[in-house]
């Protein structure tokens, strides 16, 4: 991996994702890994990092994936960017695979996003856990420091 200051966290499981240190799901349909950069990165760089592993940003588009993510991620892993955004249409949250965010998912929207992030719009999303509950928060696409890459089968 290039020396960009990016660090990866995860541990090995037996399966197709082991060689790269990805967590593998209970049903073998997904594996994911947490990444961290000491300096903020734009979404394009984060996507390129995932692609180095043959992966994409983590999709938590089903209840099963969300539950597995909540059960598997460790305390040392911070909240991180996932493959959900409203880049195409403001307020229309869509996963990178084209599936819309379901109505049973908690999405935290913040007023004055420009002031909070110093960017024109907070169109990207971080998966955040609060007291064992998964919520999604919008944030700036140009200042990503934590993210999850995944291989979806």
N, C-alpha and C. Protein backbone atom coordinates (compact mmCIF):
# COMPACT_ATOMS: atom_id res chain seq x y z
N UNK A 1 0.84 -1.17 0.00
CA UNK A 1 0.00 0.00 0.00
C UNK A 1 0.89 1.24 0.00
N UNK A 2 0.51 2.29 -0.73
CA UNK A 2 1.32 3.50 -0.76
C UNK A 2 1.41 4.14 0.62
N UNK A 3 2.47 4.89 0.85
CA UNK A 3 2.66 5.52 2.15
C UNK A 3 1.87 6.82 2.23
N UNK A 4 0.56 6.70 2.49
CA UNK A 4 -0.32 7.86 2.58
C UNK A 4 -0.71 8.16 4.01
N UNK A 5 -0.16 7.42 4.96
CA UNK A 5 -0.55 7.59 6.35
C UNK A 5 -1.81 6.81 6.69
N UNK A 6 -2.30 5.98 5.77
CA UNK A 6 -3.50 5.19 6.00
C UNK A 6 -3.13 3.96 6.80
N UNK A 7 -3.92 3.68 7.83
CA UNK A 7 -3.72 2.49 8.64
C UNK A 7 -4.97 1.64 8.54
N UNK A 8 -4.81 0.32 8.58
CA UNK A 8 -5.93 -0.61 8.51
C UNK A 8 -5.99 -1.42 9.79
N UNK A 9 -7.20 -1.74 10.22
CA UNK A 9 -7.40 -2.55 11.41
C UNK A 9 -8.33 -3.70 11.07
N UNK A 10 -8.08 -4.85 11.63
CA UNK A 10 -8.89 -6.03 11.39
C UNK A 10 -8.08 -7.25 11.80
N UNK A 11 -8.69 -8.40 11.80
CA UNK A 11 -7.93 -9.61 12.07
C UNK A 11 -8.39 -10.71 11.14
N UNK A 12 -7.61 -11.78 11.07
CA UNK A 12 -7.82 -12.80 10.05
C UNK A 12 -8.88 -13.83 10.44
N UNK A 13 -9.67 -14.21 9.48
CA UNK A 13 -10.60 -15.32 9.57
C UNK A 13 -10.27 -16.27 8.43
N UNK A 14 -10.69 -17.51 8.55
CA UNK A 14 -10.52 -18.45 7.45
C UNK A 14 -11.60 -18.12 6.42
N UNK A 15 -11.22 -18.00 5.18
CA UNK A 15 -12.18 -17.68 4.12
C UNK A 15 -11.51 -16.84 3.06
N UNK A 16 -12.28 -16.40 2.09
CA UNK A 16 -11.71 -15.68 0.96
C UNK A 16 -11.18 -14.31 1.32
N UNK A 17 -11.53 -13.78 2.46
CA UNK A 17 -11.08 -12.44 2.85
C UNK A 17 -9.89 -12.46 3.78
N UNK A 18 -9.45 -13.65 4.19
CA UNK A 18 -8.40 -13.76 5.21
C UNK A 18 -7.09 -13.11 4.84
N UNK A 19 -6.66 -13.27 3.64
CA UNK A 19 -5.35 -12.78 3.25
C UNK A 19 -5.23 -11.28 3.42
N UNK A 20 -6.33 -10.58 3.36
CA UNK A 20 -6.28 -9.13 3.46
C UNK A 20 -6.74 -8.62 4.83
N UNK A 21 -7.00 -9.53 5.77
CA UNK A 21 -7.34 -9.13 7.12
C UNK A 21 -8.74 -8.57 7.29
N UNK A 22 -9.68 -8.96 6.44
CA UNK A 22 -11.05 -8.48 6.55
C UNK A 22 -11.84 -9.34 7.54
N UNK A 23 -12.79 -8.73 8.26
CA UNK A 23 -13.77 -9.49 9.05
C UNK A 23 -14.69 -10.16 8.05
N UNK A 24 -15.03 -11.42 8.25
CA UNK A 24 -15.94 -12.09 7.32
C UNK A 24 -17.26 -12.36 8.03
N UNK A 25 -18.36 -12.18 7.33
CA UNK A 25 -19.68 -12.30 7.95
C UNK A 25 -20.04 -13.75 8.23
N UNK A 26 -21.01 -13.90 9.10
CA UNK A 26 -21.46 -15.22 9.53
C UNK A 26 -21.97 -16.07 8.36
N UNK A 27 -22.53 -15.44 7.35
CA UNK A 27 -23.07 -16.20 6.23
C UNK A 27 -22.16 -16.17 5.00
N UNK A 28 -20.98 -15.57 5.14
CA UNK A 28 -20.02 -15.54 4.06
C UNK A 28 -20.39 -14.63 2.90
N UNK A 29 -21.35 -13.73 3.10
CA UNK A 29 -21.82 -12.87 2.01
C UNK A 29 -21.19 -11.49 2.04
N UNK A 30 -20.35 -11.22 3.01
CA UNK A 30 -19.72 -9.91 3.10
C UNK A 30 -18.52 -10.01 4.03
N UNK A 31 -17.50 -9.23 3.77
CA UNK A 31 -16.44 -9.05 4.74
C UNK A 31 -16.05 -7.57 4.72
N UNK A 32 -15.59 -7.06 5.86
CA UNK A 32 -15.27 -5.64 5.92
C UNK A 32 -14.03 -5.38 6.75
N UNK A 33 -13.46 -4.20 6.56
CA UNK A 33 -12.24 -3.81 7.25
C UNK A 33 -12.30 -2.31 7.51
N UNK A 34 -11.79 -1.90 8.67
CA UNK A 34 -11.76 -0.50 9.09
C UNK A 34 -10.43 0.13 8.69
N UNK A 35 -10.50 1.36 8.18
CA UNK A 35 -9.30 2.11 7.80
C UNK A 35 -9.31 3.48 8.46
N UNK A 36 -8.11 4.00 8.69
CA UNK A 36 -7.94 5.30 9.33
C UNK A 36 -6.82 6.06 8.66
N UNK A 37 -7.02 7.37 8.49
CA UNK A 37 -5.97 8.24 7.98
C UNK A 37 -5.75 9.37 8.97
N UNK A 38 -4.50 9.71 9.21
CA UNK A 38 -4.21 10.81 10.14
C UNK A 38 -4.55 12.17 9.55
N UNK A 39 -4.69 12.22 8.24
CA UNK A 39 -5.09 13.47 7.58
C UNK A 39 -6.39 13.24 6.82
N UNK A 40 -7.27 14.24 6.77
CA UNK A 40 -8.54 14.08 6.05
C UNK A 40 -8.31 13.81 4.57
N UNK A 41 -9.12 12.93 4.01
CA UNK A 41 -9.01 12.55 2.61
C UNK A 41 -10.33 12.78 1.89
N UNK A 42 -10.28 13.08 0.59
CA UNK A 42 -11.53 13.18 -0.19
C UNK A 42 -12.09 11.79 -0.48
N UNK A 43 -13.37 11.73 -0.77
CA UNK A 43 -14.04 10.45 -1.03
C UNK A 43 -13.35 9.67 -2.15
N UNK A 44 -12.86 10.35 -3.17
CA UNK A 44 -12.21 9.66 -4.29
C UNK A 44 -11.00 8.86 -3.82
N UNK A 45 -10.23 9.41 -2.89
CA UNK A 45 -9.05 8.71 -2.36
C UNK A 45 -9.46 7.52 -1.53
N UNK A 46 -10.51 7.68 -0.74
CA UNK A 46 -11.03 6.59 0.08
C UNK A 46 -11.52 5.45 -0.81
N UNK A 47 -12.25 5.79 -1.87
CA UNK A 47 -12.72 4.77 -2.81
C UNK A 47 -11.55 4.03 -3.46
N UNK A 48 -10.51 4.78 -3.84
CA UNK A 48 -9.33 4.16 -4.45
C UNK A 48 -8.64 3.22 -3.46
N UNK A 49 -8.63 3.59 -2.18
CA UNK A 49 -8.06 2.72 -1.16
C UNK A 49 -8.83 1.41 -1.09
N UNK A 50 -10.14 1.47 -1.10
CA UNK A 50 -10.95 0.25 -1.08
C UNK A 50 -10.68 -0.60 -2.31
N UNK A 51 -10.59 0.04 -3.46
CA UNK A 51 -10.39 -0.69 -4.71
C UNK A 51 -9.05 -1.42 -4.75
N UNK A 52 -8.06 -0.95 -3.99
CA UNK A 52 -6.77 -1.66 -3.90
C UNK A 52 -6.97 -3.06 -3.34
N UNK A 53 -8.01 -3.27 -2.57
CA UNK A 53 -8.31 -4.55 -1.96
C UNK A 53 -9.39 -5.31 -2.72
N UNK A 54 -9.80 -4.79 -3.88
CA UNK A 54 -10.91 -5.40 -4.60
C UNK A 54 -12.22 -5.18 -3.88
N UNK A 55 -12.30 -4.09 -3.13
CA UNK A 55 -13.46 -3.82 -2.28
C UNK A 55 -14.11 -2.49 -2.68
N UNK A 56 -15.17 -2.17 -1.98
CA UNK A 56 -15.89 -0.90 -2.13
C UNK A 56 -16.25 -0.42 -0.74
N UNK A 57 -16.86 0.74 -0.64
CA UNK A 57 -17.30 1.20 0.67
C UNK A 57 -18.37 0.26 1.21
N UNK A 58 -18.37 0.06 2.51
CA UNK A 58 -19.29 -0.85 3.18
C UNK A 58 -20.74 -0.44 2.94
N UNK A 59 -21.56 -1.42 2.54
CA UNK A 59 -23.00 -1.21 2.36
C UNK A 59 -23.72 -1.87 3.53
N UNK A 60 -24.43 -1.09 4.30
CA UNK A 60 -25.23 -1.60 5.41
C UNK A 60 -26.70 -1.46 5.03
N UNK A 61 -27.03 -2.01 3.87
CA UNK A 61 -28.34 -1.79 3.26
C UNK A 61 -29.39 -2.83 3.63
N UNK A 62 -29.04 -3.78 4.50
CA UNK A 62 -30.03 -4.76 4.97
C UNK A 62 -29.93 -4.86 6.49
N UNK A 63 -31.02 -5.28 7.15
CA UNK A 63 -30.96 -5.46 8.61
C UNK A 63 -29.89 -6.47 9.01
N UNK A 64 -29.69 -7.52 8.21
CA UNK A 64 -28.69 -8.53 8.53
C UNK A 64 -27.28 -7.93 8.53
N UNK A 65 -26.98 -7.12 7.53
CA UNK A 65 -25.65 -6.49 7.47
C UNK A 65 -25.47 -5.51 8.62
N UNK A 66 -26.49 -4.75 8.94
CA UNK A 66 -26.38 -3.79 10.06
C UNK A 66 -26.16 -4.52 11.38
N UNK A 67 -26.91 -5.60 11.61
CA UNK A 67 -26.75 -6.36 12.84
C UNK A 67 -25.36 -6.99 12.93
N UNK A 68 -24.89 -7.56 11.83
CA UNK A 68 -23.56 -8.16 11.83
C UNK A 68 -22.50 -7.11 12.12
N UNK A 69 -22.62 -5.96 11.50
CA UNK A 69 -21.68 -4.86 11.71
C UNK A 69 -21.65 -4.45 13.19
N UNK A 70 -22.82 -4.29 13.79
CA UNK A 70 -22.90 -3.91 15.20
C UNK A 70 -22.25 -4.95 16.10
N UNK A 71 -22.44 -6.22 15.80
CA UNK A 71 -21.90 -7.29 16.63
C UNK A 71 -20.40 -7.48 16.46
N UNK A 72 -19.87 -7.10 15.29
CA UNK A 72 -18.49 -7.44 14.95
C UNK A 72 -17.49 -6.32 15.19
N UNK A 73 -17.87 -5.08 14.93
CA UNK A 73 -16.88 -4.00 15.04
C UNK A 73 -16.41 -3.90 16.49
N UNK A 74 -15.17 -3.50 16.66
CA UNK A 74 -14.57 -3.44 17.99
C UNK A 74 -14.58 -2.01 18.52
N UNK A 75 -14.34 -1.88 19.80
CA UNK A 75 -14.32 -0.56 20.43
C UNK A 75 -13.20 0.32 19.87
N UNK A 76 -12.12 -0.30 19.38
CA UNK A 76 -11.00 0.49 18.86
C UNK A 76 -11.31 1.09 17.49
N UNK A 77 -12.35 0.60 16.85
CA UNK A 77 -12.73 1.12 15.55
C UNK A 77 -13.68 2.29 15.72
N UNK A 78 -13.30 3.42 15.17
CA UNK A 78 -14.13 4.61 15.28
C UNK A 78 -15.30 4.52 14.32
N UNK A 79 -16.21 5.48 14.47
CA UNK A 79 -17.28 5.60 13.51
C UNK A 79 -16.66 5.90 12.16
N UNK A 80 -17.20 5.34 11.09
CA UNK A 80 -16.54 5.51 9.80
C UNK A 80 -17.48 5.65 8.63
N UNK A 81 -16.93 6.21 7.57
CA UNK A 81 -17.65 6.44 6.32
C UNK A 81 -18.08 5.11 5.70
N UNK A 82 -19.31 5.09 5.20
CA UNK A 82 -19.85 3.92 4.50
C UNK A 82 -20.39 4.37 3.14
N UNK A 83 -20.84 3.44 2.33
CA UNK A 83 -21.28 3.74 0.97
C UNK A 83 -22.71 4.24 0.88
N UNK A 84 -23.01 5.33 1.54
CA UNK A 84 -24.33 5.96 1.52
C UNK A 84 -24.15 7.45 1.32
N UNK A 85 -24.93 8.05 0.43
CA UNK A 85 -24.81 9.49 0.20
C UNK A 85 -26.09 10.05 -0.40
N UNK A 86 -26.16 11.37 -0.44
CA UNK A 86 -27.24 12.06 -1.17
C UNK A 86 -26.62 13.00 -2.21
N UNK A 87 -25.51 12.57 -2.79
CA UNK A 87 -24.78 13.38 -3.76
C UNK A 87 -25.63 13.66 -5.00
N UNK A 88 -26.39 12.67 -5.46
CA UNK A 88 -27.19 12.84 -6.67
C UNK A 88 -28.37 13.79 -6.47
N UNK A 89 -29.03 13.68 -5.31
CA UNK A 89 -30.19 14.52 -5.02
C UNK A 89 -30.23 14.80 -3.52
N UNK A 90 -30.18 16.06 -3.15
CA UNK A 90 -30.15 16.46 -1.75
C UNK A 90 -31.34 15.86 -1.00
N UNK A 91 -31.04 15.15 0.09
CA UNK A 91 -32.07 14.56 0.93
C UNK A 91 -32.53 13.17 0.50
N UNK A 92 -32.12 12.71 -0.67
CA UNK A 92 -32.47 11.37 -1.15
C UNK A 92 -31.27 10.45 -0.91
N UNK A 93 -31.24 9.79 0.25
CA UNK A 93 -30.10 8.97 0.66
C UNK A 93 -30.15 7.62 -0.04
N UNK A 94 -29.08 7.32 -0.77
CA UNK A 94 -29.01 6.11 -1.59
C UNK A 94 -27.67 5.42 -1.34
N UNK A 95 -27.72 4.09 -1.21
CA UNK A 95 -26.51 3.30 -1.08
C UNK A 95 -25.79 3.27 -2.42
N UNK A 96 -24.50 3.03 -2.40
CA UNK A 96 -23.70 3.02 -3.63
C UNK A 96 -24.16 1.94 -4.63
N UNK A 97 -24.92 0.95 -4.18
CA UNK A 97 -25.46 -0.07 -5.09
C UNK A 97 -26.80 0.34 -5.68
N UNK A 98 -27.26 1.57 -5.37
CA UNK A 98 -28.51 2.09 -5.93
C UNK A 98 -29.73 1.89 -5.07
N UNK A 99 -29.62 1.15 -3.96
CA UNK A 99 -30.77 0.93 -3.07
C UNK A 99 -30.98 2.16 -2.19
N UNK A 100 -32.25 2.60 -2.03
CA UNK A 100 -32.51 3.73 -1.16
C UNK A 100 -32.39 3.33 0.31
N UNK A 101 -32.09 4.30 1.16
CA UNK A 101 -32.06 4.07 2.60
C UNK A 101 -33.47 3.74 3.05
N UNK A 102 -33.64 2.64 3.80
CA UNK A 102 -34.99 2.26 4.20
C UNK A 102 -35.50 3.16 5.33
N UNK A 103 -36.80 3.21 5.45
CA UNK A 103 -37.44 4.10 6.42
C UNK A 103 -37.26 3.70 7.86
N UNK A 104 -36.75 2.50 8.13
CA UNK A 104 -36.56 2.03 9.50
C UNK A 104 -35.18 2.36 10.05
N UNK A 105 -34.41 3.14 9.31
CA UNK A 105 -33.04 3.46 9.69
C UNK A 105 -32.96 4.88 10.23
N UNK A 106 -32.22 5.07 11.31
CA UNK A 106 -32.07 6.39 11.90
C UNK A 106 -30.99 7.17 11.16
N UNK A 107 -31.37 8.34 10.68
CA UNK A 107 -30.45 9.23 9.96
C UNK A 107 -30.41 10.55 10.72
N UNK A 108 -29.26 10.92 11.23
CA UNK A 108 -29.10 12.21 11.92
C UNK A 108 -28.67 13.26 10.92
N UNK A 109 -29.47 14.28 10.79
CA UNK A 109 -29.14 15.41 9.92
C UNK A 109 -28.82 16.59 10.82
N UNK A 110 -27.80 17.33 10.48
CA UNK A 110 -27.40 18.47 11.28
C UNK A 110 -27.66 19.76 10.53
N UNK A 111 -28.22 20.74 11.22
CA UNK A 111 -28.40 22.06 10.63
C UNK A 111 -27.04 22.74 10.54
N UNK A 112 -26.94 23.72 9.68
CA UNK A 112 -25.70 24.48 9.51
C UNK A 112 -24.51 23.58 9.19
N UNK A 113 -24.72 22.64 8.27
CA UNK A 113 -23.66 21.70 7.91
C UNK A 113 -22.41 22.42 7.41
N UNK A 114 -22.61 23.53 6.70
CA UNK A 114 -21.45 24.27 6.19
C UNK A 114 -20.55 24.72 7.34
N UNK A 115 -21.16 25.20 8.42
CA UNK A 115 -20.38 25.66 9.56
C UNK A 115 -19.69 24.49 10.26
N UNK A 116 -20.36 23.37 10.32
CA UNK A 116 -19.82 22.22 11.03
C UNK A 116 -18.65 21.60 10.28
N UNK A 117 -18.70 21.59 8.98
CA UNK A 117 -17.68 20.92 8.20
C UNK A 117 -16.81 21.83 7.35
N UNK A 118 -17.24 23.06 7.16
CA UNK A 118 -16.47 23.95 6.31
C UNK A 118 -16.49 23.52 4.85
N UNK A 119 -17.59 22.93 4.41
CA UNK A 119 -17.72 22.50 3.03
C UNK A 119 -19.12 22.85 2.53
N UNK A 120 -19.32 22.86 1.22
CA UNK A 120 -20.60 23.29 0.66
C UNK A 120 -21.80 22.43 1.09
N UNK A 121 -21.61 21.13 1.26
CA UNK A 121 -22.71 20.25 1.66
C UNK A 121 -22.16 18.99 2.29
N UNK A 122 -22.89 18.48 3.25
CA UNK A 122 -22.51 17.22 3.91
C UNK A 122 -23.28 16.10 3.24
N UNK A 123 -22.74 15.56 2.16
CA UNK A 123 -23.44 14.57 1.36
C UNK A 123 -23.01 13.13 1.62
N UNK A 124 -21.99 12.93 2.43
CA UNK A 124 -21.52 11.58 2.74
C UNK A 124 -22.04 11.16 4.11
N UNK A 125 -21.83 9.90 4.46
CA UNK A 125 -22.43 9.36 5.68
C UNK A 125 -21.42 8.53 6.47
N UNK A 126 -21.46 8.68 7.79
CA UNK A 126 -20.69 7.84 8.70
C UNK A 126 -21.64 6.93 9.46
N UNK A 127 -21.23 5.68 9.65
CA UNK A 127 -21.96 4.75 10.51
C UNK A 127 -21.48 5.02 11.93
N UNK A 128 -22.41 5.33 12.81
CA UNK A 128 -22.10 5.72 14.19
C UNK A 128 -22.86 4.80 15.14
N UNK A 129 -22.19 4.34 16.17
CA UNK A 129 -22.89 3.56 17.19
C UNK A 129 -23.00 4.38 18.46
N UNK A 130 -24.21 4.41 18.98
CA UNK A 130 -24.48 5.11 20.24
C UNK A 130 -25.28 4.16 21.11
N UNK A 131 -24.71 3.79 22.24
CA UNK A 131 -25.33 2.84 23.18
C UNK A 131 -25.88 1.61 22.48
N UNK A 132 -25.07 1.02 21.62
CA UNK A 132 -25.43 -0.22 20.94
C UNK A 132 -26.40 -0.07 19.78
N UNK A 133 -26.72 1.15 19.41
CA UNK A 133 -27.64 1.40 18.29
C UNK A 133 -26.86 2.00 17.13
N UNK A 134 -27.16 1.54 15.94
CA UNK A 134 -26.51 2.05 14.74
C UNK A 134 -27.33 3.19 14.16
N UNK A 135 -26.68 4.33 13.96
CA UNK A 135 -27.31 5.46 13.29
C UNK A 135 -26.36 5.94 12.20
N UNK A 136 -26.89 6.72 11.28
CA UNK A 136 -26.08 7.28 10.21
C UNK A 136 -26.09 8.79 10.33
N UNK A 137 -24.91 9.40 10.22
CA UNK A 137 -24.77 10.86 10.29
C UNK A 137 -24.17 11.38 9.00
N UNK A 138 -24.73 12.49 8.53
CA UNK A 138 -24.19 13.12 7.32
C UNK A 138 -22.93 13.90 7.67
N UNK A 139 -22.00 13.96 6.73
CA UNK A 139 -20.78 14.74 6.93
C UNK A 139 -20.15 15.06 5.58
N UNK A 140 -19.11 15.84 5.61
CA UNK A 140 -18.45 16.33 4.40
C UNK A 140 -17.68 15.22 3.68
N UNK A 141 -17.81 15.16 2.37
CA UNK A 141 -17.12 14.14 1.56
C UNK A 141 -15.64 14.43 1.36
N UNK A 142 -15.19 15.61 1.70
CA UNK A 142 -13.80 15.99 1.46
C UNK A 142 -12.91 15.88 2.69
N UNK A 143 -13.44 15.39 3.80
CA UNK A 143 -12.62 15.33 5.02
C UNK A 143 -12.83 14.01 5.75
N UNK A 144 -12.64 12.91 5.03
CA UNK A 144 -12.84 11.58 5.59
C UNK A 144 -11.56 11.10 6.27
N UNK A 145 -11.67 10.68 7.53
CA UNK A 145 -10.52 10.15 8.25
C UNK A 145 -10.72 8.68 8.65
N UNK A 146 -11.96 8.23 8.71
CA UNK A 146 -12.29 6.87 9.12
C UNK A 146 -13.27 6.29 8.11
N UNK A 147 -13.03 5.06 7.65
CA UNK A 147 -13.96 4.45 6.70
C UNK A 147 -13.87 2.95 6.75
N UNK A 148 -14.89 2.32 6.18
CA UNK A 148 -14.97 0.87 6.10
C UNK A 148 -15.03 0.44 4.64
N UNK A 149 -14.12 -0.45 4.26
CA UNK A 149 -14.16 -1.07 2.94
C UNK A 149 -14.79 -2.45 3.11
N UNK A 150 -15.46 -2.93 2.07
CA UNK A 150 -16.10 -4.24 2.15
C UNK A 150 -16.06 -4.94 0.82
N UNK A 151 -16.06 -6.26 0.92
CA UNK A 151 -16.25 -7.11 -0.25
C UNK A 151 -17.61 -7.75 -0.04
N UNK A 152 -18.54 -7.48 -0.94
CA UNK A 152 -19.89 -8.02 -0.86
C UNK A 152 -20.02 -9.15 -1.88
N UNK A 153 -20.52 -10.28 -1.44
CA UNK A 153 -20.65 -11.45 -2.33
C UNK A 153 -22.08 -11.60 -2.79
